[in-house]
Amino acid sequence: DRDVTGVQTCALPISQGSIEALRSEMQKFSHPEVRVTIVHEGVGGVNESDVALAEASGAIVIAFHVVPEERARALAERDGVDVRRFEIIYEVTETIKRSLEGLLPPERKQVMTGRAFVMKTFQISRLGTIAGCRVLSGTIERSNRINVIRDQTILNSYDIASLKRVKDDAREVREGMECGIRLEGFNDIKEGDILEAFRVDEVKRTLD
């Protein structure tokens, strides 16, 4: 069973008594973004036809209590078809579940790392506006993005073009320290603005 464009596609050469049980288990996977599609099921070992169908469909082959014929094994190896052998239904369903979860795009989550207060601004020719800041809390890191907050309103978010302590480039500036921050593509920083630093974490999603 394999998923193509959000669909887990399956070929199932298995023993007769297991077909209904496996189909029933796979139908339990319900999600608006991904699903399981069985392109073929049959009794007996994995043959060349199974492998050819899997290759054409972009599917994986689930062999439950059966093994591939020698010519089918060689064909699968040549064409890069994934043939997986299982003895326990639970192992099949867990494999399919992990495959489906791998198709889900990760959740992107903003994690705030620090806040800085703009005390003074400086116009530098060829560079733009430098914000002279004091870090109020947490840490400002060079890799962060910055929300520019004015009058309790977020104007927009920007990458940090440069972060300096005194005249030196800095990787991070901690609470209580002063620094100079230049934002990428934004020069309208004003005294009194709050610069809220954050990173974006990707969180793996599950079907549960």
C-alpha atoms as a PDB file:
ATOM      1  CA  ASP A   1       0.000   0.000   0.000  1.00  0.00           C
ATOM      2  CA  ARG A   2       1.389   3.402  -0.885  1.00  0.00           C
ATOM      3  CA  ASP A   3       0.136   6.948  -0.995  1.00  0.00           C
ATOM      4  CA  VAL A   4       0.317   9.066  -4.110  1.00  0.00           C
ATOM      5  CA  THR A   5      -0.395  12.821  -3.933  1.00  0.00           C
ATOM      6  CA  GLY A   6      -1.928  12.463  -0.510  1.00  0.00           C
ATOM      7  CA  VAL A   7      -3.342   9.018  -1.146  1.00  0.00           C
ATOM      8  CA  GLN A   8      -1.853   5.886   0.384  1.00  0.00           C
ATOM      9  CA  THR A   9      -2.140   3.372  -2.437  1.00  0.00           C
ATOM     10  CA  CYS A  10      -1.990  -0.352  -1.730  1.00  0.00           C
ATOM     11  CA  ALA A  11      -1.625  -3.631  -3.554  1.00  0.00           C
ATOM     12  CA  LEU A  12      -2.553  -6.564  -1.328  1.00  0.00           C
ATOM     13  CA  PRO A  13      -1.521 -10.087  -2.330  1.00  0.00           C
ATOM     14  CA  ILE A  14      -2.527 -11.928   0.842  1.00  0.00           C
ATOM     15  CA  SER A  15      -4.310 -14.983   2.193  1.00  0.00           C
ATOM     16  CA  GLN A  16      -8.111 -15.038   1.676  1.00  0.00           C
ATOM     17  CA  GLY A  17      -9.018 -14.917   5.349  1.00  0.00           C
ATOM     18  CA  SER A  18      -7.016 -11.739   5.895  1.00  0.00           C
ATOM     19  CA  ILE A  19      -8.372  -9.581   3.061  1.00  0.00           C
ATOM     20  CA  GLU A  20     -11.521  -8.422   4.822  1.00  0.00           C
ATOM     21  CA  ALA A  21      -9.710  -7.816   8.110  1.00  0.00           C
ATOM     22  CA  LEU A  22      -7.005  -5.712   6.464  1.00  0.00           C
ATOM     23  CA  ARG A  23      -9.472  -3.772   4.342  1.00  0.00           C
ATOM     24  CA  SER A  24     -11.558  -3.022   7.424  1.00  0.00           C
ATOM     25  CA  GLU A  25      -8.524  -1.784   9.346  1.00  0.00           C
ATOM     26  CA  MET A  26      -7.368   0.468   6.510  1.00  0.00           C
ATOM     27  CA  GLN A  27     -10.794   2.021   6.130  1.00  0.00           C
ATOM     28  CA  LYS A  28     -10.499   3.293   9.707  1.00  0.00           C
ATOM     29  CA  PHE A  29      -7.891   5.846   8.590  1.00  0.00           C
ATOM     30  CA  SER A  30      -9.991   8.952   8.019  1.00  0.00           C
ATOM     31  CA  HIS A  31      -8.436  12.376   7.427  1.00  0.00           C
ATOM     32  CA  PRO A  32      -9.402  15.296   5.136  1.00  0.00           C
ATOM     33  CA  GLU A  33      -5.895  15.573   3.691  1.00  0.00           C
ATOM     34  CA  VAL A  34      -4.726  11.986   3.217  1.00  0.00           C
ATOM     35  CA  ARG A  35      -6.372   8.624   2.607  1.00  0.00           C
ATOM     36  CA  VAL A  36      -5.670   4.987   1.716  1.00  0.00           C
ATOM     37  CA  THR A  37      -6.522   3.580  -1.709  1.00  0.00           C
ATOM     38  CA  ILE A  38      -6.257  -0.160  -2.407  1.00  0.00           C
ATOM     39  CA  VAL A  39      -5.517  -0.596  -6.105  1.00  0.00           C
ATOM     40  CA  HIS A  40      -5.523  -4.397  -6.041  1.00  0.00           C
ATOM     41  CA  GLU A  41      -6.033  -7.267  -3.662  1.00  0.00           C
ATOM     42  CA  GLY A  42      -5.657 -10.968  -4.233  1.00  0.00           C
ATOM     43  CA  VAL A  43      -4.871 -14.366  -2.750  1.00  0.00           C
ATOM     44  CA  GLY A  44      -1.444 -15.961  -3.111  1.00  0.00           C
ATOM     45  CA  GLY A  45       2.115 -14.849  -3.420  1.00  0.00           C
ATOM     46  CA  VAL A  46       3.317 -11.612  -4.988  1.00  0.00           C
ATOM     47  CA  ASN A  47       3.638 -12.083  -8.744  1.00  0.00           C
ATOM     48  CA  GLU A  48       5.008  -9.997 -11.615  1.00  0.00           C
ATOM     49  CA  SER A  49       1.571  -8.549 -12.339  1.00  0.00           C
ATOM     50  CA  ASP A  50       1.330  -7.250  -8.774  1.00  0.00           C
ATOM     51  CA  VAL A  51       4.723  -5.594  -9.072  1.00  0.00           C
ATOM     52  CA  ALA A  52       3.929  -4.059 -12.468  1.00  0.00           C
ATOM     53  CA  LEU A  53       0.658  -2.630 -11.139  1.00  0.00           C
ATOM     54  CA  ALA A  54       2.387  -1.224  -8.080  1.00  0.00           C
ATOM     55  CA  GLU A  55       5.066   0.371 -10.254  1.00  0.00           C
ATOM     56  CA  ALA A  56       2.460   1.965 -12.537  1.00  0.00           C
ATOM     57  CA  SER A  57       0.380   3.209  -9.586  1.00  0.00           C
ATOM     58  CA  GLY A  58       3.228   4.440  -7.420  1.00  0.00           C
ATOM     59  CA  ALA A  59       2.091   1.949  -4.782  1.00  0.00           C
ATOM     60  CA  ILE A  60       3.828  -0.234  -2.273  1.00  0.00           C
ATOM     61  CA  VAL A  61       2.992  -3.938  -2.080  1.00  0.00           C
ATOM     62  CA  ILE A  62       1.793  -5.387   1.214  1.00  0.00           C
ATOM     63  CA  ALA A  63       2.545  -9.135   1.306  1.00  0.00           C
ATOM     64  CA  PHE A  64       0.697 -10.604   4.300  1.00  0.00           C
ATOM     65  CA  HIS A  65       1.682 -14.173   5.183  1.00  0.00           C
ATOM     66  CA  VAL A  66       2.913 -14.638   1.611  1.00  0.00           C
ATOM     67  CA  VAL A  67       6.221 -14.095  -0.220  1.00  0.00           C
ATOM     68  CA  PRO A  68       7.110 -12.800  -3.702  1.00  0.00           C
ATOM     69  CA  GLU A  69       7.811 -15.182  -6.539  1.00  0.00           C
ATOM     70  CA  GLU A  70      11.456 -15.087  -7.603  1.00  0.00           C
ATOM     71  CA  ARG A  71      10.732 -13.283 -10.885  1.00  0.00           C
ATOM     72  CA  ALA A  72       8.490 -10.802  -9.058  1.00  0.00           C
ATOM     73  CA  ARG A  73      11.226 -10.162  -6.494  1.00  0.00           C
ATOM     74  CA  ALA A  74      13.764  -9.478  -9.241  1.00  0.00           C
ATOM     75  CA  LEU A  75      11.327  -7.196 -11.077  1.00  0.00           C
ATOM     76  CA  ALA A  76      10.567  -5.249  -7.904  1.00  0.00           C
ATOM     77  CA  GLU A  77      14.266  -4.805  -7.233  1.00  0.00           C
ATOM     78  CA  ARG A  78      14.873  -3.628 -10.802  1.00  0.00           C
ATOM     79  CA  ASP A  79      11.964  -1.171 -10.861  1.00  0.00           C
ATOM     80  CA  GLY A  80      12.356   0.071  -7.296  1.00  0.00           C
ATOM     81  CA  VAL A  81       8.979  -1.232  -6.124  1.00  0.00           C
ATOM     82  CA  ASP A  82       8.677  -1.481  -2.348  1.00  0.00           C
ATOM     83  CA  VAL A  83       7.429  -4.977  -1.365  1.00  0.00           C
ATOM     84  CA  ARG A  84       6.841  -5.296   2.366  1.00  0.00           C
ATOM     85  CA  ARG A  85       6.215  -8.611   4.122  1.00  0.00           C
ATOM     86  CA  PHE A  86       4.129  -8.811   7.291  1.00  0.00           C
ATOM     87  CA  GLU A  87       2.887 -11.496   9.641  1.00  0.00           C
ATOM     88  CA  ILE A  88       0.763  -9.386  12.017  1.00  0.00           C
ATOM     89  CA  ILE A  89      -2.110  -7.091  11.016  1.00  0.00           C
ATOM     90  CA  TYR A  90      -1.095  -4.534  13.650  1.00  0.00           C
ATOM     91  CA  GLU A  91       2.279  -4.118  11.936  1.00  0.00           C
ATOM     92  CA  VAL A  92       0.550  -3.449   8.607  1.00  0.00           C
ATOM     93  CA  THR A  93      -1.761  -0.807  10.034  1.00  0.00           C
ATOM     94  CA  GLU A  94       1.066   0.914  11.925  1.00  0.00           C
ATOM     95  CA  THR A  95       3.159   1.031   8.742  1.00  0.00           C
ATOM     96  CA  ILE A  96       0.302   2.541   6.738  1.00  0.00           C
ATOM     97  CA  LYS A  97      -0.445   5.022   9.515  1.00  0.00           C
ATOM     98  CA  ARG A  98       3.186   6.206   9.624  1.00  0.00           C
ATOM     99  CA  SER A  99       3.204   6.517   5.833  1.00  0.00           C
ATOM    100  CA  LEU A 100       0.050   8.641   5.878  1.00  0.00           C
ATOM    101  CA  GLU A 101       1.410  10.838   8.641  1.00  0.00           C
ATOM    102  CA  GLY A 102       4.547  11.353   6.583  1.00  0.00           C
ATOM    103  CA  LEU A 103       2.389  12.847   3.830  1.00  0.00           C
ATOM    104  CA  LEU A 104       0.909  15.493   6.110  1.00  0.00           C
ATOM    105  CA  PRO A 105       2.680  18.862   5.830  1.00  0.00           C
ATOM    106  CA  PRO A 106       4.119  19.850   9.227  1.00  0.00           C
ATOM    107  CA  GLU A 107       2.423  22.455  11.377  1.00  0.00           C
ATOM    108  CA  ARG A 108       4.388  25.723  11.463  1.00  0.00           C
ATOM    109  CA  LYS A 109       4.399  27.300  14.910  1.00  0.00           C
ATOM    110  CA  GLN A 110       5.779  30.680  15.973  1.00  0.00           C
ATOM    111  CA  VAL A 111       7.865  30.508  19.152  1.00  0.00           C
ATOM    112  CA  MET A 112       8.645  33.873  20.726  1.00  0.00           C
ATOM    113  CA  THR A 113      12.235  34.213  21.929  1.00  0.00           C
ATOM    114  CA  GLY A 114      12.519  37.820  23.091  1.00  0.00           C
ATOM    115  CA  ARG A 115      11.335  41.432  22.981  1.00  0.00           C
ATOM    116  CA  ALA A 116      13.320  44.623  22.492  1.00  0.00           C
ATOM    117  CA  PHE A 117      12.423  48.311  22.918  1.00  0.00           C
ATOM    118  CA  VAL A 118      13.571  50.804  20.283  1.00  0.00           C
ATOM    119  CA  MET A 119      15.274  53.645  22.172  1.00  0.00           C
ATOM    120  CA  LYS A 120      16.726  55.526  19.214  1.00  0.00           C
ATOM    121  CA  THR A 121      17.042  55.224  15.435  1.00  0.00           C
ATOM    122  CA  PHE A 122      19.979  56.006  13.160  1.00  0.00           C
ATOM    123  CA  GLN A 123      19.964  56.599   9.408  1.00  0.00           C
ATOM    124  CA  ILE A 124      23.028  55.056   7.765  1.00  0.00           C
ATOM    125  CA  SER A 125      23.708  55.794   4.098  1.00  0.00           C
ATOM    126  CA  ARG A 126      23.599  52.720   1.829  1.00  0.00           C
ATOM    127  CA  LEU A 127      22.243  50.626   4.729  1.00  0.00           C
ATOM    128  CA  GLY A 128      19.053  52.229   5.960  1.00  0.00           C
ATOM    129  CA  THR A 129      17.655  52.560   9.476  1.00  0.00           C
ATOM    130  CA  ILE A 130      19.411  51.058  12.488  1.00  0.00           C
ATOM    131  CA  ALA A 131      17.294  50.633  15.611  1.00  0.00           C
ATOM    132  CA  GLY A 132      19.174  51.166  18.861  1.00  0.00           C
ATOM    133  CA  CYS A 133      17.429  48.771  21.225  1.00  0.00           C
ATOM    134  CA  ARG A 134      17.407  47.398  24.727  1.00  0.00           C
ATOM    135  CA  VAL A 135      16.348  43.772  25.105  1.00  0.00           C
ATOM    136  CA  LEU A 136      13.441  43.704  27.548  1.00  0.00           C
ATOM    137  CA  SER A 137      13.083  39.941  27.881  1.00  0.00           C
ATOM    138  CA  GLY A 138      14.424  36.693  26.492  1.00  0.00           C
ATOM    139  CA  THR A 139      16.953  36.657  23.671  1.00  0.00           C
ATOM    140  CA  ILE A 140      17.158  38.235  20.224  1.00  0.00           C
ATOM    141  CA  GLU A 141      18.899  35.820  17.846  1.00  0.00           C
ATOM    142  CA  ARG A 142      20.379  36.689  14.458  1.00  0.00           C
ATOM    143  CA  SER A 143      18.314  33.925  12.813  1.00  0.00           C
ATOM    144  CA  ASN A 144      15.003  35.207  14.241  1.00  0.00           C
ATOM    145  CA  ARG A 145      12.250  37.007  12.433  1.00  0.00           C
ATOM    146  CA  ILE A 146      10.912  40.205  13.979  1.00  0.00           C
ATOM    147  CA  ASN A 147       7.362  41.417  14.504  1.00  0.00           C
ATOM    148  CA  VAL A 148       7.369  45.230  14.503  1.00  0.00           C
ATOM    149  CA  ILE A 149       4.803  46.371  17.079  1.00  0.00           C
ATOM    150  CA  ARG A 150       3.571  49.958  17.254  1.00  0.00           C
ATOM    151  CA  ASP A 151       0.701  51.063  19.476  1.00  0.00           C
ATOM    152  CA  GLN A 152      -0.050  47.415  20.336  1.00  0.00           C
ATOM    153  CA  THR A 153      -0.450  46.621  16.624  1.00  0.00           C
ATOM    154  CA  ILE A 154       1.793  44.277  14.628  1.00  0.00           C
ATOM    155  CA  LEU A 155       2.790  46.187  11.486  1.00  0.00           C
ATOM    156  CA  ASN A 156       4.514  43.236   9.796  1.00  0.00           C
ATOM    157  CA  SER A 157       7.303  40.706  10.298  1.00  0.00           C
ATOM    158  CA  TYR A 158      10.807  40.911   8.819  1.00  0.00           C
ATOM    159  CA  ASP A 159      14.103  39.038   8.741  1.00  0.00           C
ATOM    160  CA  ILE A 160      17.018  40.525  10.668  1.00  0.00           C
ATOM    161  CA  ALA A 161      19.535  42.012   8.224  1.00  0.00           C
ATOM    162  CA  SER A 162      22.107  42.697  10.948  1.00  0.00           C
ATOM    163  CA  LEU A 163      22.419  42.369  14.712  1.00  0.00           C
ATOM    164  CA  LYS A 164      25.245  44.166  16.504  1.00  0.00           C
ATOM    165  CA  ARG A 165      26.576  44.602  20.013  1.00  0.00           C
ATOM    166  CA  VAL A 166      28.468  47.904  20.064  1.00  0.00           C
ATOM    167  CA  LYS A 167      30.174  47.631  16.632  1.00  0.00           C
ATOM    168  CA  ASP A 168      30.536  43.875  16.423  1.00  0.00           C
ATOM    169  CA  ASP A 169      28.203  41.400  14.738  1.00  0.00           C
ATOM    170  CA  ALA A 170      26.368  39.269  17.279  1.00  0.00           C
ATOM    171  CA  ARG A 171      24.675  35.885  17.045  1.00  0.00           C
ATOM    172  CA  GLU A 172      22.389  36.727  19.967  1.00  0.00           C
ATOM    173  CA  VAL A 173      21.700  39.506  22.474  1.00  0.00           C
ATOM    174  CA  ARG A 174      20.228  38.717  25.856  1.00  0.00           C
ATOM    175  CA  GLU A 175      17.860  40.418  28.281  1.00  0.00           C
ATOM    176  CA  GLY A 176      19.154  43.725  29.660  1.00  0.00           C
ATOM    177  CA  MET A 177      21.709  44.252  26.873  1.00  0.00           C
ATOM    178  CA  GLU A 178      21.675  46.963  24.230  1.00  0.00           C
ATOM    179  CA  CYS A 179      22.089  46.280  20.539  1.00  0.00           C
ATOM    180  CA  GLY A 180      21.629  47.604  17.044  1.00  0.00           C
ATOM    181  CA  ILE A 181      19.089  45.918  14.794  1.00  0.00           C
ATOM    182  CA  ARG A 182      18.567  46.468  11.080  1.00  0.00           C
ATOM    183  CA  LEU A 183      15.601  44.797   9.445  1.00  0.00           C
ATOM    184  CA  GLU A 184      15.507  43.415   5.911  1.00  0.00           C
ATOM    185  CA  GLY A 185      13.369  45.630   3.695  1.00  0.00           C
ATOM    186  CA  PHE A 186      11.978  47.897   6.438  1.00  0.00           C
ATOM    187  CA  ASN A 187      13.358  51.336   7.342  1.00  0.00           C
ATOM    188  CA  ASP A 188      10.363  52.949   9.025  1.00  0.00           C
ATOM    189  CA  ILE A 189      11.312  51.887  12.544  1.00  0.00           C
ATOM    190  CA  LYS A 190      10.439  54.561  15.129  1.00  0.00           C
ATOM    191  CA  GLU A 191      11.452  55.244  18.698  1.00  0.00           C
ATOM    192  CA  GLY A 192       9.084  53.458  21.050  1.00  0.00           C
ATOM    193  CA  ASP A 193       8.459  50.515  18.730  1.00  0.00           C
ATOM    194  CA  ILE A 194       8.611  47.023  20.207  1.00  0.00           C
ATOM    195  CA  LEU A 195      10.543  44.405  18.250  1.00  0.00           C
ATOM    196  CA  GLU A 196       9.255  40.931  19.044  1.00  0.00           C
ATOM    197  CA  ALA A 197      11.646  38.156  17.991  1.00  0.00           C
ATOM    198  CA  PHE A 198      10.429  34.693  17.063  1.00  0.00           C
ATOM    199  CA  ARG A 199      11.502  31.515  15.332  1.00  0.00           C
ATOM    200  CA  VAL A 200       9.298  29.180  13.315  1.00  0.00           C
ATOM    201  CA  ASP A 201       9.282  25.555  14.449  1.00  0.00           C
ATOM    202  CA  GLU A 202       7.871  22.749  12.310  1.00  0.00           C
ATOM    203  CA  VAL A 203       5.835  20.240  14.319  1.00  0.00           C
ATOM    204  CA  LYS A 204       5.154  16.795  12.858  1.00  0.00           C
ATOM    205  CA  ARG A 205       1.441  16.079  12.599  1.00  0.00           C
ATOM    206  CA  THR A 206      -0.330  12.806  13.353  1.00  0.00           C
ATOM    207  CA  LEU A 207      -3.648  11.241  12.393  1.00  0.00           C
ATOM    208  CA  ASP A 208      -4.776  11.122  16.026  1.00  0.00           C
END
